[in-house]
Amino acid sequence: MKIPFQRRPGGRWPGGWWFATEVELELAPDQVFRPDVVGWRRERAPERPSGSPVRIRPDWVCGVLSPDNARNDTVKKMRVYQRCQLPHYWVIDPREETMTVYRWTPEGYLVALRAERGERVRAEPFDAIELQVGVLFGDEREDE
């Protein structure tokens, strides 16, 4: 079975994603960020975004909170992501063992989902698959 997010352009399935970790990302002039994980839809970015900094706005960003950067991820970066119309922003909190999924709207980010360890969710933009939230925090997948 093919996973929806590993499909290649030109294959029999549409879609696919490029993922990168800790890439320098310029979302606005003189504003470079280094999110934990970013993703681009291949239909919008047929080639893997490259360069430093990358200037192609991602379709999804995931930030993992630490005690030292929680405010930076949940306030400062979120404001910039909102201004740049970044469609999907996930915040993973290892201390609370939660994930929060935000969806961009012109009025501000909307909380699309909040989940915690032990739950199974379909989180946008990857709602084609079911995610076991505990796997984000080191749990073994139950279907293995």
C-alpha atoms as a PDB file:
ATOM      1  CA  MET A   1       0.000   0.000   0.000  1.00  0.00           C
ATOM      2  CA  LYS A   2       1.316   3.446  -0.888  1.00  0.00           C
ATOM      3  CA  ILE A   3       1.371   6.190   1.724  1.00  0.00           C
ATOM      4  CA  PRO A   4      -0.257   9.377   0.349  1.00  0.00           C
ATOM      5  CA  PHE A   5       2.680  11.558   1.309  1.00  0.00           C
ATOM      6  CA  GLN A   6       5.333   9.517  -0.482  1.00  0.00           C
ATOM      7  CA  ARG A   7       3.805   9.738  -3.933  1.00  0.00           C
ATOM      8  CA  ARG A   8       6.001  11.000  -6.710  1.00  0.00           C
ATOM      9  CA  PRO A   9       4.980  13.427  -9.441  1.00  0.00           C
ATOM     10  CA  GLY A  10       4.217  11.532 -12.616  1.00  0.00           C
ATOM     11  CA  GLY A  11       3.092   8.430 -10.726  1.00  0.00           C
ATOM     12  CA  ARG A  12      -0.435   7.153 -10.813  1.00  0.00           C
ATOM     13  CA  TRP A  13      -1.313   9.023  -7.621  1.00  0.00           C
ATOM     14  CA  PRO A  14      -1.605  12.795  -7.285  1.00  0.00           C
ATOM     15  CA  GLY A  15       0.042  14.814  -4.566  1.00  0.00           C
ATOM     16  CA  GLY A  16       3.049  14.175  -2.435  1.00  0.00           C
ATOM     17  CA  TRP A  17       5.179  16.222  -0.094  1.00  0.00           C
ATOM     18  CA  TRP A  18       8.751  17.402   0.423  1.00  0.00           C
ATOM     19  CA  PHE A  19       9.878  17.480   4.066  1.00  0.00           C
ATOM     20  CA  ALA A  20      12.929  19.100   5.658  1.00  0.00           C
ATOM     21  CA  THR A  21      14.202  19.641   9.189  1.00  0.00           C
ATOM     22  CA  GLU A  22      15.744  22.776  10.638  1.00  0.00           C
ATOM     23  CA  VAL A  23      15.981  24.511   7.299  1.00  0.00           C
ATOM     24  CA  GLU A  24      16.578  28.266   7.224  1.00  0.00           C
ATOM     25  CA  LEU A  25      13.372  29.775   5.915  1.00  0.00           C
ATOM     26  CA  GLU A  26      12.911  33.393   4.838  1.00  0.00           C
ATOM     27  CA  LEU A  27       9.216  34.216   5.099  1.00  0.00           C
ATOM     28  CA  ALA A  28       9.603  37.989   4.896  1.00  0.00           C
ATOM     29  CA  PRO A  29      12.547  40.261   4.100  1.00  0.00           C
ATOM     30  CA  ASP A  30      15.074  40.099   6.943  1.00  0.00           C
ATOM     31  CA  GLN A  31      13.002  37.492   8.819  1.00  0.00           C
ATOM     32  CA  VAL A  32      14.706  34.105   8.741  1.00  0.00           C
ATOM     33  CA  PHE A  33      13.390  31.259  10.883  1.00  0.00           C
ATOM     34  CA  ARG A  34      14.540  27.703  11.472  1.00  0.00           C
ATOM     35  CA  PRO A  35      11.395  25.632  12.132  1.00  0.00           C
ATOM     36  CA  ASP A  36      11.816  22.095  13.443  1.00  0.00           C
ATOM     37  CA  VAL A  37      10.066  20.474  10.450  1.00  0.00           C
ATOM     38  CA  VAL A  38       8.599  21.972   7.272  1.00  0.00           C
ATOM     39  CA  GLY A  39       6.693  20.533   4.343  1.00  0.00           C
ATOM     40  CA  TRP A  40       5.812  21.650   0.830  1.00  0.00           C
ATOM     41  CA  ARG A  41       3.128  20.143  -1.368  1.00  0.00           C
ATOM     42  CA  ARG A  42       4.809  18.842  -4.515  1.00  0.00           C
ATOM     43  CA  GLU A  43       2.020  20.273  -6.646  1.00  0.00           C
ATOM     44  CA  ARG A  44       3.197  23.725  -5.507  1.00  0.00           C
ATOM     45  CA  ALA A  45       6.924  22.941  -5.314  1.00  0.00           C
ATOM     46  CA  PRO A  46       7.710  20.314  -7.983  1.00  0.00           C
ATOM     47  CA  GLU A  47      11.412  20.366  -7.013  1.00  0.00           C
ATOM     48  CA  ARG A  48      12.668  19.998  -3.445  1.00  0.00           C
ATOM     49  CA  PRO A  49      13.121  23.556  -2.131  1.00  0.00           C
ATOM     50  CA  SER A  50      16.783  24.325  -1.585  1.00  0.00           C
ATOM     51  CA  GLY A  51      19.158  27.143  -0.824  1.00  0.00           C
ATOM     52  CA  SER A  52      19.858  28.991   2.365  1.00  0.00           C
ATOM     53  CA  PRO A  53      17.612  30.545   3.226  1.00  0.00           C
ATOM     54  CA  VAL A  54      14.728  28.839   1.413  1.00  0.00           C
ATOM     55  CA  ARG A  55      12.361  31.490   0.080  1.00  0.00           C
ATOM     56  CA  ILE A  56       9.425  29.279  -0.921  1.00  0.00           C
ATOM     57  CA  ARG A  57       6.681  29.463   1.696  1.00  0.00           C
ATOM     58  CA  PRO A  58       5.968  25.988   3.086  1.00  0.00           C
ATOM     59  CA  ASP A  59       2.471  24.525   3.244  1.00  0.00           C
ATOM     60  CA  TRP A  60       3.045  23.071   6.708  1.00  0.00           C
ATOM     61  CA  VAL A  61       5.338  23.856   9.625  1.00  0.00           C
ATOM     62  CA  CYS A  62       5.777  21.921  12.859  1.00  0.00           C
ATOM     63  CA  GLY A  63       7.344  23.411  15.965  1.00  0.00           C
ATOM     64  CA  VAL A  64       8.427  21.314  18.944  1.00  0.00           C
ATOM     65  CA  LEU A  65       8.263  23.306  22.167  1.00  0.00           C
ATOM     66  CA  SER A  66      11.006  23.407  24.728  1.00  0.00           C
ATOM     67  CA  PRO A  67      10.934  25.405  27.959  1.00  0.00           C
ATOM     68  CA  ASP A  68      13.350  27.881  26.373  1.00  0.00           C
ATOM     69  CA  ASN A  69      11.382  28.544  23.173  1.00  0.00           C
ATOM     70  CA  ALA A  70       7.683  28.071  23.968  1.00  0.00           C
ATOM     71  CA  ARG A  71       6.812  31.772  23.714  1.00  0.00           C
ATOM     72  CA  ASN A  72       8.860  32.124  20.538  1.00  0.00           C
ATOM     73  CA  ASP A  73       6.903  29.309  18.820  1.00  0.00           C
ATOM     74  CA  THR A  74       3.453  30.132  20.186  1.00  0.00           C
ATOM     75  CA  VAL A  75       3.550  33.923  19.890  1.00  0.00           C
ATOM     76  CA  LYS A  76       6.354  35.411  17.791  1.00  0.00           C
ATOM     77  CA  LYS A  77       6.633  32.787  15.053  1.00  0.00           C
ATOM     78  CA  MET A  78       2.877  32.283  14.959  1.00  0.00           C
ATOM     79  CA  ARG A  79       2.344  35.998  14.224  1.00  0.00           C
ATOM     80  CA  VAL A  80       4.797  35.890  11.323  1.00  0.00           C
ATOM     81  CA  TYR A  81       3.304  32.632   9.990  1.00  0.00           C
ATOM     82  CA  GLN A  82      -0.152  34.252  10.131  1.00  0.00           C
ATOM     83  CA  ARG A  83       1.023  37.350   8.224  1.00  0.00           C
ATOM     84  CA  CYS A  84       2.667  35.120   5.594  1.00  0.00           C
ATOM     85  CA  GLN A  85      -0.517  33.037   5.259  1.00  0.00           C
ATOM     86  CA  LEU A  86       1.209  29.785   6.129  1.00  0.00           C
ATOM     87  CA  PRO A  87      -1.673  27.282   5.740  1.00  0.00           C
ATOM     88  CA  HIS A  88      -0.931  24.763   8.521  1.00  0.00           C
ATOM     89  CA  TYR A  89       1.036  25.064  11.751  1.00  0.00           C
ATOM     90  CA  TRP A  90       1.445  22.248  14.255  1.00  0.00           C
ATOM     91  CA  VAL A  91       2.780  22.787  17.760  1.00  0.00           C
ATOM     92  CA  ILE A  92       4.046  19.705  19.594  1.00  0.00           C
ATOM     93  CA  ASP A  93       4.495  20.026  23.361  1.00  0.00           C
ATOM     94  CA  PRO A  94       6.606  17.131  24.710  1.00  0.00           C
ATOM     95  CA  ARG A  95       6.173  18.210  28.332  1.00  0.00           C
ATOM     96  CA  GLU A  96       2.361  18.183  28.131  1.00  0.00           C
ATOM     97  CA  GLU A  97       2.396  15.368  25.523  1.00  0.00           C
ATOM     98  CA  THR A  98       0.000  17.271  23.285  1.00  0.00           C
ATOM     99  CA  MET A  99      -0.235  18.432  19.709  1.00  0.00           C
ATOM    100  CA  THR A 100      -2.178  21.452  18.503  1.00  0.00           C
ATOM    101  CA  VAL A 101      -3.028  21.854  14.833  1.00  0.00           C
ATOM    102  CA  TYR A 102      -3.698  25.364  13.526  1.00  0.00           C
ATOM    103  CA  ARG A 103      -5.333  26.259  10.206  1.00  0.00           C
ATOM    104  CA  TRP A 104      -4.756  29.664   8.631  1.00  0.00           C
ATOM    105  CA  THR A 105      -7.748  31.972   8.156  1.00  0.00           C
ATOM    106  CA  PRO A 106      -7.675  35.685   7.253  1.00  0.00           C
ATOM    107  CA  GLU A 107      -8.858  36.503  10.790  1.00  0.00           C
ATOM    108  CA  GLY A 108      -6.127  34.489  12.496  1.00  0.00           C
ATOM    109  CA  TYR A 109      -5.172  30.894  13.111  1.00  0.00           C
ATOM    110  CA  LEU A 110      -8.060  28.596  13.959  1.00  0.00           C
ATOM    111  CA  VAL A 111      -7.432  25.636  16.261  1.00  0.00           C
ATOM    112  CA  ALA A 112      -8.373  22.729  14.009  1.00  0.00           C
ATOM    113  CA  LEU A 113      -7.390  20.009  16.488  1.00  0.00           C
ATOM    114  CA  ARG A 114      -5.972  19.443  19.951  1.00  0.00           C
ATOM    115  CA  ALA A 115      -4.923  15.948  20.895  1.00  0.00           C
ATOM    116  CA  GLU A 116      -2.883  14.137  23.507  1.00  0.00           C
ATOM    117  CA  ARG A 117      -0.958  10.917  23.956  1.00  0.00           C
ATOM    118  CA  GLY A 118      -3.256   7.911  23.605  1.00  0.00           C
ATOM    119  CA  GLU A 119      -5.473   9.465  20.930  1.00  0.00           C
ATOM    120  CA  ARG A 120      -5.727   8.610  17.241  1.00  0.00           C
ATOM    121  CA  VAL A 121      -6.382  11.583  14.987  1.00  0.00           C
ATOM    122  CA  ARG A 122      -6.586  12.720  11.396  1.00  0.00           C
ATOM    123  CA  ALA A 123      -4.702  16.001  11.463  1.00  0.00           C
ATOM    124  CA  GLU A 124      -4.731  18.425   8.563  1.00  0.00           C
ATOM    125  CA  PRO A 125      -3.123  18.618   6.129  1.00  0.00           C
ATOM    126  CA  PHE A 126      -2.342  14.905   6.527  1.00  0.00           C
ATOM    127  CA  ASP A 127      -5.890  13.824   7.312  1.00  0.00           C
ATOM    128  CA  ALA A 128      -5.710  11.014   4.741  1.00  0.00           C
ATOM    129  CA  ILE A 129      -3.889   8.978   7.393  1.00  0.00           C
ATOM    130  CA  GLU A 130      -4.586   8.240  11.036  1.00  0.00           C
ATOM    131  CA  LEU A 131      -1.872   9.356  13.440  1.00  0.00           C
ATOM    132  CA  GLN A 132      -1.278   7.797  16.849  1.00  0.00           C
ATOM    133  CA  VAL A 133      -0.336  10.873  18.858  1.00  0.00           C
ATOM    134  CA  GLY A 134       1.780   8.855  21.304  1.00  0.00           C
ATOM    135  CA  VAL A 135       4.193   7.977  18.485  1.00  0.00           C
ATOM    136  CA  LEU A 136       5.270  11.636  18.542  1.00  0.00           C
ATOM    137  CA  PHE A 137       6.399  11.061  22.124  1.00  0.00           C
ATOM    138  CA  GLY A 138       8.171   7.727  21.678  1.00  0.00           C
ATOM    139  CA  ASP A 139       5.335   5.196  21.901  1.00  0.00           C
ATOM    140  CA  GLU A 140       5.478   2.156  19.639  1.00  0.00           C
ATOM    141  CA  ARG A 141       2.928   2.015  16.831  1.00  0.00           C
ATOM    142  CA  GLU A 142       0.082  -0.281  17.819  1.00  0.00           C
ATOM    143  CA  ASP A 143      -0.254  -1.818  14.347  1.00  0.00           C
ATOM    144  CA  GLU A 144       3.324  -3.145  14.217  1.00  0.00           C
END
